[in-house]
Protein backbone atom coordinates (compact mmCIF):
# COMPACT_ATOMS: atom_id res chain seq x y z
CA UNK A 1 8.29 20.86 -11.85
CA UNK A 2 5.88 18.06 -11.85
CA UNK A 3 2.51 18.28 -13.03
CA UNK A 4 0.26 16.49 -10.50
CA UNK A 5 -3.31 15.23 -10.95
CA UNK A 6 -5.95 18.08 -10.87
CA UNK A 7 -8.80 18.40 -8.46
CA UNK A 8 -11.90 15.79 -8.53
CA UNK A 9 -14.23 16.14 -11.40
CA UNK A 10 -17.77 17.29 -10.55
CA UNK A 11 -20.42 14.55 -10.69
CA UNK A 12 -21.78 13.80 -14.05
CA UNK A 13 -25.33 12.87 -14.79
CA UNK A 14 -26.01 9.20 -14.09
CA UNK A 15 -28.09 8.74 -17.28
CA UNK A 16 -28.66 5.13 -18.28
CA UNK A 17 -26.37 3.98 -15.19
CA UNK A 18 -28.22 2.14 -12.54
CA UNK A 19 -27.50 2.69 -8.79
CA UNK A 20 -25.52 -0.61 -8.70
CA UNK A 21 -22.63 1.11 -10.50
CA UNK A 22 -19.84 -0.35 -8.55
CA UNK A 23 -21.17 -3.87 -9.15
CA UNK A 24 -21.71 -3.43 -12.81
CA UNK A 25 -18.43 -1.75 -13.43
CA UNK A 26 -16.62 -4.64 -11.44
CA UNK A 27 -18.28 -7.16 -13.51
CA UNK A 28 -17.53 -5.36 -16.83
CA UNK A 29 -13.83 -5.14 -16.05
CA UNK A 30 -13.63 -8.93 -14.74
CA UNK A 31 -15.31 -9.97 -18.12
CA UNK A 32 -12.79 -7.90 -20.08
CA UNK A 33 -9.92 -9.21 -18.02
CA UNK A 34 -10.91 -12.88 -18.59
CA UNK A 35 -10.74 -12.29 -22.29
CA UNK A 36 -7.47 -12.55 -23.99
CA UNK A 37 -7.77 -9.10 -25.56
CA UNK A 38 -9.98 -6.70 -23.50
CA UNK A 39 -10.03 -4.17 -26.09
CA UNK A 40 -11.56 -6.55 -28.77
CA UNK A 41 -14.00 -7.83 -25.97
CA UNK A 42 -15.23 -4.31 -25.18
CA UNK A 43 -15.45 -3.37 -28.78
CA UNK A 44 -17.34 -6.39 -29.79
CA UNK A 45 -19.93 -5.64 -27.02
CA UNK A 46 -19.91 -2.01 -27.91
CA UNK A 47 -19.10 -1.51 -24.21
CA UNK A 48 -16.04 1.02 -24.43
CA UNK A 49 -18.26 4.01 -23.91
CA UNK A 50 -20.12 2.15 -21.16
CA UNK A 51 -16.86 1.51 -19.39
CA UNK A 52 -15.79 5.13 -19.39
CA UNK A 53 -19.13 6.27 -18.05
CA UNK A 54 -19.06 3.64 -15.28
CA UNK A 55 -15.48 4.38 -14.36
CA UNK A 56 -16.26 8.22 -14.13
CA UNK A 57 -19.47 7.57 -12.24
CA UNK A 58 -18.10 5.30 -9.79
CA UNK A 59 -15.05 7.78 -9.15
CA UNK A 60 -17.52 10.61 -8.50
CA UNK A 61 -19.37 8.38 -6.14
CA UNK A 62 -16.01 7.40 -4.48
CA UNK A 63 -14.23 10.57 -4.03
CA UNK A 64 -17.09 13.30 -4.31
CA UNK A 65 -19.91 11.44 -2.69
CA UNK A 66 -17.79 9.41 -0.21
CA UNK A 67 -19.63 6.26 -1.16
CA UNK A 68 -17.32 3.43 0.28
CA UNK A 69 -18.67 0.82 -1.61
CA UNK A 70 -17.53 2.67 -4.68
CA UNK A 71 -14.37 3.51 -3.27
CA UNK A 72 -13.56 -0.18 -2.57
CA UNK A 73 -14.62 -0.99 -5.98
CA UNK A 74 -12.30 1.45 -7.84
CA UNK A 75 -9.42 0.71 -5.54
CA UNK A 76 -9.83 -3.15 -6.09
CA UNK A 77 -9.90 -2.47 -9.90
CA UNK A 78 -6.65 -0.60 -9.48
CA UNK A 79 -5.13 -3.31 -7.54
CA UNK A 80 -6.17 -5.89 -10.53
CA UNK A 81 -5.03 -3.43 -13.03
CA UNK A 82 -1.53 -2.99 -11.50
CA UNK A 83 -1.48 -6.52 -11.16
CA UNK A 84 -1.19 -6.91 -14.81
CA UNK A 85 2.23 -5.49 -14.64
CA UNK A 86 3.43 -7.61 -11.71
CA UNK A 87 2.23 -11.08 -12.89
CA UNK A 88 4.68 -14.13 -12.60
CA UNK A 89 5.74 -15.07 -16.15
CA UNK A 90 3.82 -18.19 -17.34
CA UNK A 91 2.26 -19.54 -20.52
CA UNK A 92 -1.09 -18.11 -21.42
CA UNK A 93 -0.85 -14.66 -20.04
CA UNK A 94 -3.14 -12.40 -21.88
CA UNK A 95 -2.55 -9.28 -24.01
CA UNK A 96 -4.28 -7.09 -21.58
CA UNK A 97 -1.12 -5.41 -19.73
CA UNK A 98 -1.35 -2.41 -22.20
CA UNK A 99 -5.01 -2.49 -23.07
CA UNK A 100 -5.88 0.98 -24.42
CA UNK A 101 -9.44 0.82 -22.68
CA UNK A 102 -8.16 -0.51 -19.32
CA UNK A 103 -5.23 2.07 -19.24
CA UNK A 104 -7.75 4.88 -19.88
CA UNK A 105 -9.91 3.52 -17.01
CA UNK A 106 -6.92 3.33 -14.87
CA UNK A 107 -5.81 6.80 -15.53
CA UNK A 108 -9.30 8.21 -14.78
CA UNK A 109 -9.33 6.44 -11.39
CA UNK A 110 -5.85 7.70 -10.55
CA UNK A 111 -6.59 11.30 -11.61
CA UNK A 112 -9.78 11.40 -9.41
CA UNK A 113 -8.15 9.51 -6.58
CA UNK A 114 -5.13 11.68 -6.54
CA UNK A 115 -7.14 14.92 -6.48
CA UNK A 116 -8.93 13.53 -3.45
CA UNK A 117 -5.63 12.42 -1.72
CA UNK A 118 -3.89 15.85 -2.42
CA UNK A 119 -6.99 17.55 -0.82
CA UNK A 120 -6.70 15.18 2.23
CA UNK A 121 -2.94 16.00 2.65
CA UNK A 122 -3.79 19.75 3.58
CA UNK A 123 -1.25 22.50 3.52
CA UNK A 124 2.37 21.21 2.77
CA UNK A 125 5.52 23.41 3.41
CA UNK A 126 7.07 24.58 0.21
CA UNK A 127 10.85 25.67 -0.35
CA UNK A 128 12.29 23.25 2.28
CA UNK A 129 16.03 23.18 2.06
CA UNK A 130 17.52 19.72 1.11
CA UNK A 131 19.45 19.52 4.67
CA UNK A 132 16.17 20.24 6.45
CA UNK A 133 13.99 17.72 4.63
CA UNK A 134 14.86 14.95 7.37
CA UNK A 135 13.45 17.26 10.11
CA UNK A 136 10.48 18.25 7.90
CA UNK A 137 9.58 14.61 7.26
CA UNK A 138 10.16 13.49 10.93
CA UNK A 139 7.95 16.53 12.04
CA UNK A 140 5.06 15.55 9.65
CA UNK A 141 5.22 12.15 10.92
CA UNK A 142 5.26 12.76 14.63
CA UNK A 143 2.54 15.29 14.18
CA UNK A 144 0.34 13.01 12.53
CA UNK A 145 -2.79 11.60 14.24
CA UNK A 146 -1.71 8.19 12.95
CA UNK A 147 1.69 8.52 14.91
CA UNK A 148 1.89 5.82 17.89
CA UNK A 149 -1.48 4.37 16.50
CA UNK A 150 -3.66 2.73 19.02
CA UNK A 151 -3.66 -0.61 16.84
CA UNK A 152 -0.12 -1.40 17.99
CA UNK A 153 -0.74 -0.55 21.69
CA UNK A 154 -3.85 -2.82 21.52
CA UNK A 155 -1.59 -5.62 20.19
CA UNK A 156 0.95 -4.87 22.73
CA UNK A 157 -1.23 -5.13 25.96
CA UNK A 158 -4.65 -6.25 25.13
CA UNK A 159 -5.24 -8.28 21.96
CA UNK A 160 -5.98 -12.00 22.13
CA UNK A 161 -4.06 -14.38 20.05
CA UNK A 162 -6.85 -14.69 17.41
CA UNK A 163 -6.89 -10.97 17.27
CA UNK A 164 -3.19 -10.79 16.39
CA UNK A 165 -3.46 -13.73 13.93
CA UNK A 166 -6.27 -11.53 12.24
CA UNK A 167 -3.69 -8.67 11.90
CA UNK A 168 -1.18 -11.08 10.11
CA UNK A 169 -3.74 -11.84 7.58
CA UNK A 170 -4.64 -8.19 6.86
CA UNK A 171 -0.89 -7.07 6.63
CA UNK A 172 -0.20 -9.64 3.97
CA UNK A 173 -0.78 -7.91 0.59
CA UNK A 174 1.87 -5.10 1.03
CA UNK A 175 4.37 -7.26 2.84
CA UNK A 176 4.48 -9.85 0.02
CA UNK A 177 4.76 -7.02 -2.55
CA UNK A 178 7.55 -4.92 -1.08
CA UNK A 179 10.36 -6.65 -2.97
CA UNK A 180 8.70 -5.55 -6.22
CA UNK A 181 8.38 -1.88 -4.83
CA UNK A 182 12.03 -1.78 -4.10
CA UNK A 183 12.87 -3.20 -7.48
CA UNK A 184 10.79 -0.66 -9.29
CA UNK A 185 12.27 2.03 -6.96
CA UNK A 186 15.74 1.03 -8.70
CA UNK A 187 14.70 1.79 -12.17
CA UNK A 188 16.29 4.83 -13.82
CA UNK A 189 17.61 6.40 -10.65
CA UNK A 190 20.68 8.59 -10.37
CA UNK A 191 24.11 6.89 -9.66
CA UNK A 192 24.62 8.53 -6.31
CA UNK A 193 21.39 7.13 -4.82
CA UNK A 194 21.68 3.47 -6.25
CA UNK A 195 23.88 2.37 -3.40
CA UNK A 196 21.14 2.99 -0.58
CA UNK A 197 18.33 1.59 -2.60
CA UNK A 198 20.42 -1.42 -3.39
CA UNK A 199 21.32 -2.05 0.22
CA UNK A 200 17.34 -2.05 0.82
CA UNK A 201 17.01 -4.42 -1.78
CA UNK A 202 19.87 -6.71 -0.44
CA UNK A 203 18.12 -6.79 2.99
CA UNK A 204 14.92 -7.56 1.21
CA UNK A 205 16.66 -10.58 -0.25
CA UNK A 206 17.91 -11.80 3.14
CA UNK A 207 21.51 -10.69 2.18
CA UNK A 208 21.82 -13.41 -0.13
CA UNK A 209 20.36 -16.35 2.04
CA UNK A 210 17.16 -17.82 0.37
CA UNK A 211 15.85 -18.78 3.75
CA UNK A 212 16.02 -15.18 5.17
CA UNK A 213 14.42 -13.37 2.36
CA UNK A 214 11.54 -11.19 3.68
CA UNK A 215 8.88 -13.15 1.58
CA UNK A 216 10.15 -16.31 3.03
CA UNK A 217 10.33 -15.05 6.56
CA UNK A 218 6.60 -13.94 6.29
CA UNK A 219 5.52 -17.35 4.73
CA UNK A 220 7.44 -18.99 7.63
CA UNK A 221 5.15 -17.01 10.16
CA UNK A 222 2.08 -17.97 8.08
CA UNK A 223 2.87 -21.62 8.11
CA UNK A 224 3.71 -21.64 11.84
CA UNK A 225 0.16 -20.11 12.55
CA UNK A 226 -1.51 -22.53 9.99
CA UNK A 227 -2.67 -19.77 7.82
CA UNK A 228 -3.12 -20.86 4.20
CA UNK A 229 -1.23 -18.63 1.83
CA UNK A 230 -4.22 -17.34 -0.21
CA UNK A 231 -3.41 -14.18 -1.72
CA UNK A 232 -6.80 -13.69 -3.50
CA UNK A 233 -8.71 -14.30 -0.31
CA UNK A 234 -6.39 -11.94 1.65
CA UNK A 235 -7.12 -9.37 -0.91
CA UNK A 236 -10.87 -9.96 -1.03
CA UNK A 237 -10.94 -9.43 2.64
CA UNK A 238 -9.41 -5.92 2.61
CA UNK A 239 -11.54 -2.90 2.94
CA UNK A 240 -10.86 0.16 0.67
CA UNK A 241 -8.38 1.31 3.42
CA UNK A 242 -6.06 -1.52 2.90
CA UNK A 243 -6.37 -1.54 -0.93
CA UNK A 244 -5.63 2.27 -1.04
CA UNK A 245 -2.57 1.97 0.86
CA UNK A 246 -1.19 -0.86 -1.26
CA UNK A 247 -2.25 0.92 -4.43
CA UNK A 248 -0.67 4.33 -3.31
CA UNK A 249 2.99 2.74 -3.28
CA UNK A 250 2.37 1.04 -6.60
CA UNK A 251 0.71 4.28 -8.17
CA UNK A 252 3.93 6.12 -7.24
CA UNK A 253 6.27 3.34 -8.41
CA UNK A 254 4.46 2.99 -11.79
CA UNK A 255 4.19 6.71 -12.65
CA UNK A 256 7.83 8.27 -13.17
CA UNK A 257 6.34 11.81 -12.69
CA UNK A 258 5.53 10.84 -9.15
CA UNK A 259 9.11 9.77 -8.32
CA UNK A 260 9.59 12.49 -5.62
CA UNK A 261 6.37 11.77 -3.99
CA UNK A 262 7.32 8.11 -3.99
CA UNK A 263 10.75 8.57 -1.99
CA UNK A 264 8.65 10.65 0.46
CA UNK A 265 6.26 7.86 1.03
CA UNK A 266 8.94 5.25 1.40
CA UNK A 267 10.67 7.33 3.97
CA UNK A 268 7.44 7.13 6.22
CA UNK A 269 7.53 3.42 5.70
CA UNK A 270 11.06 3.06 6.89
CA UNK A 271 10.73 5.41 9.72
CA UNK A 272 7.51 3.99 11.22
CA UNK A 273 8.10 0.33 11.16
CA UNK A 274 10.66 -0.08 13.94
CA UNK A 275 8.43 1.48 16.82
CA UNK A 276 5.35 -0.20 15.71
CA UNK A 277 6.79 -3.63 15.12
CA UNK A 278 8.33 -3.65 18.40
CA UNK A 279 4.98 -3.29 20.01
CA UNK A 280 3.53 -6.16 17.89
CA UNK A 281 6.42 -8.40 19.04
CA UNK A 282 5.76 -7.71 22.55
CA UNK A 283 1.99 -8.61 21.89
CA UNK A 284 2.97 -11.80 20.19
CA UNK A 285 5.31 -12.90 22.92
CA UNK A 286 2.52 -12.21 25.43
CA UNK A 287 0.25 -14.42 23.91
CA UNK A 288 2.58 -17.14 23.06
CA UNK A 289 3.19 -16.76 19.52
CA UNK A 290 6.71 -17.87 18.78
CA UNK A 291 7.29 -19.08 22.24
CA UNK A 292 8.24 -22.57 21.02
CA UNK A 293 9.97 -21.41 17.89
CA UNK A 294 11.21 -17.65 18.28
CA UNK A 295 12.53 -17.65 14.70
CA UNK A 296 8.87 -17.39 13.27
CA UNK A 297 8.91 -13.88 14.35
CA UNK A 298 11.98 -12.69 12.35
CA UNK A 299 10.20 -11.07 9.68
CA UNK A 300 9.10 -8.22 12.13
CA UNK A 301 12.07 -8.50 14.49
CA UNK A 302 14.37 -7.95 11.45
CA UNK A 303 12.25 -4.86 10.41
CA UNK A 304 12.70 -3.51 14.05
CA UNK A 305 16.40 -3.79 13.82
CA UNK A 306 17.20 -3.17 10.15
CA UNK A 307 14.68 -0.24 9.50
CA UNK A 308 15.97 1.78 12.40
CA UNK A 309 19.00 2.33 10.21
CA UNK A 310 17.15 2.42 6.98
CA UNK A 311 14.97 5.41 7.72
CA UNK A 312 17.81 7.79 8.41
CA UNK A 313 19.73 6.10 5.57
CA UNK A 314 17.06 6.67 3.07
CA UNK A 315 16.59 10.39 3.89
CA UNK A 316 20.39 11.14 4.19
CA UNK A 317 21.35 8.99 1.01
CA UNK A 318 18.41 9.16 -1.29
CA UNK A 319 16.15 12.22 -0.55
CA UNK A 320 18.78 14.68 0.29
CA UNK A 321 20.94 13.98 -2.72
CA UNK A 322 17.86 14.07 -4.95
CA UNK A 323 16.76 17.48 -3.59
CA UNK A 324 20.25 18.76 -3.91
CA UNK A 325 19.73 18.17 -7.66
CA UNK A 326 16.02 19.11 -7.81
CA UNK A 327 15.57 21.75 -4.89
CA UNK A 328 12.01 22.62 -6.08
CA UNK A 329 10.64 19.23 -5.53
CA UNK A 330 10.92 19.22 -1.65
CA UNK A 331 7.00 19.91 -1.46
CA UNK A 332 6.37 16.83 -3.86
CA UNK A 333 8.51 14.64 -1.34
CA UNK A 334 6.47 15.95 1.61
CA UNK A 335 3.15 15.35 -0.23
CA UNK A 336 4.24 11.66 -0.71
CA UNK A 337 5.06 11.50 3.06
CA UNK A 338 1.66 12.89 3.91
CA UNK A 339 -0.28 10.82 1.48
CA UNK A 340 1.49 7.63 3.04
CA UNK A 341 0.77 8.79 6.72
CA UNK A 342 -3.08 9.37 5.73
CA UNK A 343 -3.40 5.98 4.01
CA UNK A 344 -1.60 4.20 6.79
CA UNK A 345 -3.89 5.85 9.56
CA UNK A 346 -7.01 4.91 7.59
CA UNK A 347 -5.63 1.32 7.23
CA UNK A 348 -4.83 1.01 10.86
CA UNK A 349 -8.14 2.24 11.99
CA UNK A 350 -9.69 -0.29 9.80
CA UNK A 351 -7.35 -3.07 11.12
CA UNK A 352 -8.16 -2.16 14.70
CA UNK A 353 -11.99 -2.45 14.12
CA UNK A 354 -11.60 -5.77 12.17
CA UNK A 355 -9.43 -7.22 15.06
CA UNK A 356 -12.03 -6.20 17.69
CA UNK A 357 -14.69 -8.30 15.62
CA UNK A 358 -12.60 -11.24 16.49
CA UNK A 359 -13.89 -12.94 19.69
CA UNK A 360 -11.27 -12.66 22.28
CA UNK A 361 -10.04 -15.91 23.72
CA UNK A 362 -10.73 -16.47 27.48
CA UNK A 363 -8.05 -15.20 29.83
CA UNK A 364 -7.52 -18.83 31.10
CA UNK A 365 -6.66 -19.73 27.39
CA UNK A 366 -4.56 -16.70 26.93
CA UNK A 367 -2.44 -17.59 30.30
CA UNK A 368 -2.01 -21.12 29.06
CA UNK A 369 -0.89 -19.94 25.51
CA UNK A 370 1.69 -17.70 27.26
């Protein structure tokens, strides 16, 4: 059986740590990352102990005290630390990918966060038979409060064009990273599940057509809407909810002991996209997005068509064979699905609120756009 992260640690005394802990932690980590060797930098400033204390204090604030500023800070740090393992190869990369001090900070955050996530997941069925796991996942999905989320109905029937454009800017980070997630999910897996995962990878790569890769299709949509492709700005604009959803899938992918949770989380992604994106596409067409060039919506329309097959394929050809081999891990698969459902709902709640802050276009303008 896997050994999962334990419960959240009790709050420690904040001796010598000011109330601006999140900001102080962010500055210290950014300073360390800006140096070629973070460990040497921290040692030379006698700041290793300070980093440990700040990280633990910030985690206590985020996951025990429900301080949302602290929660955003630790998730942004995780985003940046995971990014060290995903950087495009280029001259001048630092030595910080395997910094001992930064890895320790990352593990402290992950342990506190996973304790919180597991508590949010609630009771999870155990001893589910492999052949019954599909029904169990779908029951969890359709019984969740995030199922048929209002953000997609809002885009389908009510959102203005600027409000839908806002959605695309907040949906950027994970869409652009999904290629890497599929690649990571191929590493070290059993031979009998490779074909299904490879099929997902081939679809992500446009089935060999460079113009049809999913990253290219999303960039085509941004170009059409005249949205500058600015990854750092898009990430800066995310709340803790969006960062958490992004980090969850990368945490699972980077930690081999979390493989079973990972395949459960990815099943939810494959199952939920078609219904949601169909509503989004209806909303786009209602406000005139793509009316003069329908192909700009192909990123989402392809997910409606392809993921309708991927969801059941992932369950039948990945999860079921894995659980036949390791039947005791059904609960872990369902935990991953539950965590993905929770993070998605929090993200969609945030997206809906963000979209509603955008001033709706006048109805006359909407009619003209249609």
